[in-house]
Amino acid sequence: MVSKEEVVEKLKKVIDPHTRQNVWEMGLIEELEVKDNEVHITFRPSSPFCPIGQQLAFAIKRSVEDLGVKAKVKVTGYVKEEVLNKLLTK
């Protein structure tokens, strides 16, 4: 099992190329729950029309899954959130 601190460290490595800041410090992660071998994350892009919202969501998922856990990422506040959330579950 991973700790919340380990997940946060991974999230700090996911950088928004427009701001050059990480998604954690930008406050784009609204919820973070570590439970057994699953990590549940709610991600809100900086804008409903964020041009890299999809790329950031998948980068978050990959980064956390590098820890050997299942990452369940939910996107909220994004114009294409329904489609993106379906893609993230595959």
Protein backbone atom coordinates (compact mmCIF):
# COMPACT_ATOMS: atom_id res chain seq x y z
CA MET A 1 0.00 0.00 0.00
CA VAL A 2 1.22 3.48 -0.82
CA SER A 3 0.90 6.53 1.38
CA LYS A 4 -0.85 9.77 0.53
CA GLU A 5 2.54 11.49 0.74
CA GLU A 6 3.95 9.20 -1.98
CA VAL A 7 0.99 10.00 -4.23
CA VAL A 8 1.40 13.73 -3.62
CA GLU A 9 5.09 13.49 -4.57
CA LYS A 10 4.08 11.84 -7.87
CA LEU A 11 1.46 14.52 -8.52
CA LYS A 12 4.08 17.20 -7.98
CA LYS A 13 5.88 15.79 -11.02
CA VAL A 14 2.89 16.35 -13.33
CA ILE A 15 3.61 19.78 -14.78
CA ASP A 16 1.20 22.06 -16.62
CA PRO A 17 3.34 23.26 -19.54
CA HIS A 18 1.52 26.60 -19.77
CA THR A 19 2.17 27.64 -16.18
CA ARG A 20 5.23 25.46 -15.54
CA GLN A 21 3.73 24.53 -12.18
CA ASN A 22 2.64 21.14 -10.95
CA VAL A 23 -1.01 20.11 -10.67
CA TRP A 24 -0.78 19.64 -6.89
CA GLU A 25 0.53 23.11 -6.06
CA MET A 26 -1.84 24.70 -8.56
CA GLY A 27 -4.73 23.27 -6.54
CA LEU A 28 -6.09 21.26 -9.45
CA ILE A 29 -6.49 18.12 -7.33
CA GLU A 30 -9.74 18.56 -5.43
CA GLU A 31 -9.92 15.15 -3.77
CA LEU A 32 -7.31 12.52 -3.02
CA GLU A 33 -8.10 9.27 -1.25
CA VAL A 34 -5.72 6.35 -0.85
CA LYS A 35 -7.50 3.10 -0.05
CA ASP A 36 -5.66 -0.24 -0.15
CA ASN A 37 -4.27 -0.54 -3.69
CA GLU A 38 -6.48 2.17 -5.18
CA VAL A 39 -6.08 5.90 -5.37
CA HIS A 40 -9.14 8.05 -6.07
CA ILE A 41 -8.43 11.50 -7.47
CA THR A 42 -10.73 14.31 -8.55
CA PHE A 43 -9.00 16.63 -11.00
CA ARG A 44 -10.37 20.03 -12.03
CA PRO A 45 -8.53 21.62 -14.97
CA SER A 46 -7.70 25.30 -14.57
CA SER A 47 -10.42 26.18 -17.09
CA PRO A 48 -13.49 24.33 -18.46
CA PHE A 49 -11.88 24.74 -21.89
CA CYS A 50 -8.32 23.88 -20.85
CA PRO A 51 -6.56 22.81 -24.07
CA ILE A 52 -4.44 20.25 -22.23
CA GLY A 53 -7.04 18.99 -19.73
CA GLN A 54 -7.13 15.54 -21.33
CA GLN A 55 -3.34 15.22 -21.44
CA LEU A 56 -3.03 16.28 -17.80
CA ALA A 57 -5.72 13.81 -16.69
CA PHE A 58 -3.90 10.91 -18.36
CA ALA A 59 -0.54 12.13 -17.03
CA ILE A 60 -2.00 12.12 -13.50
CA LYS A 61 -3.31 8.58 -13.97
CA ARG A 62 -0.01 7.26 -15.37
CA SER A 63 2.08 8.99 -12.74
CA VAL A 64 0.12 7.52 -9.84
CA GLU A 65 -0.06 4.07 -11.43
CA ASP A 66 3.75 4.10 -11.58
CA LEU A 67 3.50 3.46 -7.82
CA GLY A 68 1.96 0.04 -8.55
CA VAL A 69 -1.61 0.98 -7.61
CA LYS A 70 -4.83 1.45 -9.53
CA ALA A 71 -5.59 5.14 -10.13
CA LYS A 72 -9.20 6.17 -10.55
CA VAL A 73 -9.16 9.71 -11.88
CA LYS A 74 -12.39 11.70 -12.16
CA VAL A 75 -12.39 14.98 -14.08
CA THR A 76 -14.82 17.70 -13.06
CA GLY A 77 -15.54 21.22 -14.28
CA TYR A 78 -14.41 20.44 -17.82
CA VAL A 79 -16.42 20.85 -21.01
CA LYS A 80 -15.68 17.27 -22.15
CA GLU A 81 -15.68 15.63 -18.71
CA GLU A 82 -18.21 12.87 -19.53
CA VAL A 83 -16.23 11.63 -22.52
CA LEU A 84 -12.92 12.02 -20.73
CA ASN A 85 -14.11 10.18 -17.62
CA LYS A 86 -15.20 7.24 -19.79
CA LEU A 87 -11.76 7.15 -21.45
CA LEU A 88 -10.02 7.22 -18.08
CA THR A 89 -11.83 4.07 -16.92
CA LYS A 90 -10.43 1.96 -19.77
